[in-house]
Amino acid sequence: MAASDTPNSAAEQKRAERLDVALTVYRGLAAQDADRVINLCDVHGRLIARHDLRPEEDAPKIAS
């Protein structure tokens, strides 16, 4: 294993810090604008988190 592959490498720490910032922004956007679909993806386009629209209070409930 190379030094850059270790979980405590500088690159891994930087990635973790960026993810923390992204999650903070994501949570703030989700709290501020609940009527919007918000997706958080990594650099490879994989979905990390998703905030769906909040159902309206007077909308009929769909039975499953």
C-alpha atoms as a PDB file:
ATOM      1  CA  MET A   1       0.000   0.000   0.000  1.00  0.00           C
ATOM      2  CA  ALA A   2       1.362   3.412  -0.934  1.00  0.00           C
ATOM      3  CA  ALA A   3       1.526   6.265   1.548  1.00  0.00           C
ATOM      4  CA  SER A   4      -1.199   8.109  -0.364  1.00  0.00           C
ATOM      5  CA  ASP A   5      -3.564   5.139   0.107  1.00  0.00           C
ATOM      6  CA  THR A   6      -3.533   5.324   3.885  1.00  0.00           C
ATOM      7  CA  PRO A   7      -6.737   6.736   5.387  1.00  0.00           C
ATOM      8  CA  ASN A   8      -4.807   9.417   7.277  1.00  0.00           C
ATOM      9  CA  SER A   9      -3.056  10.835   4.218  1.00  0.00           C
ATOM     10  CA  ALA A  10      -3.266  14.560   3.495  1.00  0.00           C
ATOM     11  CA  ALA A  11      -5.389  13.898   0.395  1.00  0.00           C
ATOM     12  CA  GLU A  12      -7.878  11.789   2.365  1.00  0.00           C
ATOM     13  CA  GLN A  13      -8.109  14.425   5.103  1.00  0.00           C
ATOM     14  CA  LYS A  14      -8.708  17.136   2.508  1.00  0.00           C
ATOM     15  CA  ARG A  15     -11.438  15.013   0.885  1.00  0.00           C
ATOM     16  CA  ALA A  16     -13.082  14.441   4.267  1.00  0.00           C
ATOM     17  CA  GLU A  17     -13.010  18.180   5.028  1.00  0.00           C
ATOM     18  CA  ARG A  18     -14.612  18.975   1.664  1.00  0.00           C
ATOM     19  CA  LEU A  19     -17.300  16.374   2.283  1.00  0.00           C
ATOM     20  CA  ASP A  20     -18.028  17.925   5.698  1.00  0.00           C
ATOM     21  CA  VAL A  21     -18.438  21.351   4.067  1.00  0.00           C
ATOM     22  CA  ALA A  22     -20.668  19.886   1.338  1.00  0.00           C
ATOM     23  CA  LEU A  23     -22.869  18.135   3.906  1.00  0.00           C
ATOM     24  CA  THR A  24     -23.193  21.354   5.915  1.00  0.00           C
ATOM     25  CA  VAL A  25     -24.276  23.276   2.818  1.00  0.00           C
ATOM     26  CA  TYR A  26     -26.627  20.441   1.813  1.00  0.00           C
ATOM     27  CA  ARG A  27     -28.322  20.431   5.232  1.00  0.00           C
ATOM     28  CA  GLY A  28     -28.657  24.217   5.158  1.00  0.00           C
ATOM     29  CA  LEU A  29     -30.249  24.169   1.709  1.00  0.00           C
ATOM     30  CA  ALA A  30     -32.597  21.347   2.669  1.00  0.00           C
ATOM     31  CA  ALA A  31     -33.712  23.227   5.785  1.00  0.00           C
ATOM     32  CA  GLN A  32     -34.062  26.563   3.980  1.00  0.00           C
ATOM     33  CA  ASP A  33     -35.900  25.352   0.879  1.00  0.00           C
ATOM     34  CA  ALA A  34     -37.945  22.266   1.683  1.00  0.00           C
ATOM     35  CA  ASP A  35     -39.870  22.573  -1.608  1.00  0.00           C
ATOM     36  CA  ARG A  36     -36.860  21.672  -3.726  1.00  0.00           C
ATOM     37  CA  VAL A  37     -35.240  18.341  -4.595  1.00  0.00           C
ATOM     38  CA  ILE A  38     -31.570  18.521  -3.590  1.00  0.00           C
ATOM     39  CA  ASN A  39     -28.980  15.880  -4.498  1.00  0.00           C
ATOM     40  CA  LEU A  40     -25.462  15.659  -3.114  1.00  0.00           C
ATOM     41  CA  CYS A  41     -23.079  13.705  -5.353  1.00  0.00           C
ATOM     42  CA  ASP A  42     -19.408  12.863  -5.114  1.00  0.00           C
ATOM     43  CA  VAL A  43     -16.835  13.656  -7.814  1.00  0.00           C
ATOM     44  CA  HIS A  44     -17.727  10.437  -9.638  1.00  0.00           C
ATOM     45  CA  GLY A  45     -21.413  11.366  -9.830  1.00  0.00           C
ATOM     46  CA  ARG A  46     -22.525   8.841  -7.214  1.00  0.00           C
ATOM     47  CA  LEU A  47     -25.430   9.960  -5.059  1.00  0.00           C
ATOM     48  CA  ILE A  48     -24.420  10.574  -1.444  1.00  0.00           C
ATOM     49  CA  ALA A  49     -27.587  12.209  -0.094  1.00  0.00           C
ATOM     50  CA  ARG A  50     -30.991  13.212  -1.456  1.00  0.00           C
ATOM     51  CA  HIS A  51     -33.633  15.546  -0.066  1.00  0.00           C
ATOM     52  CA  ASP A  52     -37.033  14.966  -1.670  1.00  0.00           C
ATOM     53  CA  LEU A  53     -39.955  17.347  -1.787  1.00  0.00           C
ATOM     54  CA  ARG A  54     -41.934  17.563   1.416  1.00  0.00           C
ATOM     55  CA  PRO A  55     -45.523  16.389   0.775  1.00  0.00           C
ATOM     56  CA  GLU A  56     -48.121  19.106   1.048  1.00  0.00           C
ATOM     57  CA  GLU A  57     -50.312  18.907   4.135  1.00  0.00           C
ATOM     58  CA  ASP A  58     -53.590  18.905   2.214  1.00  0.00           C
ATOM     59  CA  ALA A  59     -52.404  16.422  -0.434  1.00  0.00           C
ATOM     60  CA  PRO A  60     -54.272  13.116  -0.450  1.00  0.00           C
ATOM     61  CA  LYS A  61     -52.391  10.189   1.055  1.00  0.00           C
ATOM     62  CA  ILE A  62     -51.583   7.326  -1.316  1.00  0.00           C
ATOM     63  CA  ALA A  63     -52.361   3.946   0.196  1.00  0.00           C
ATOM     64  CA  SER A  64     -49.811   1.234  -0.459  1.00  0.00           C
END
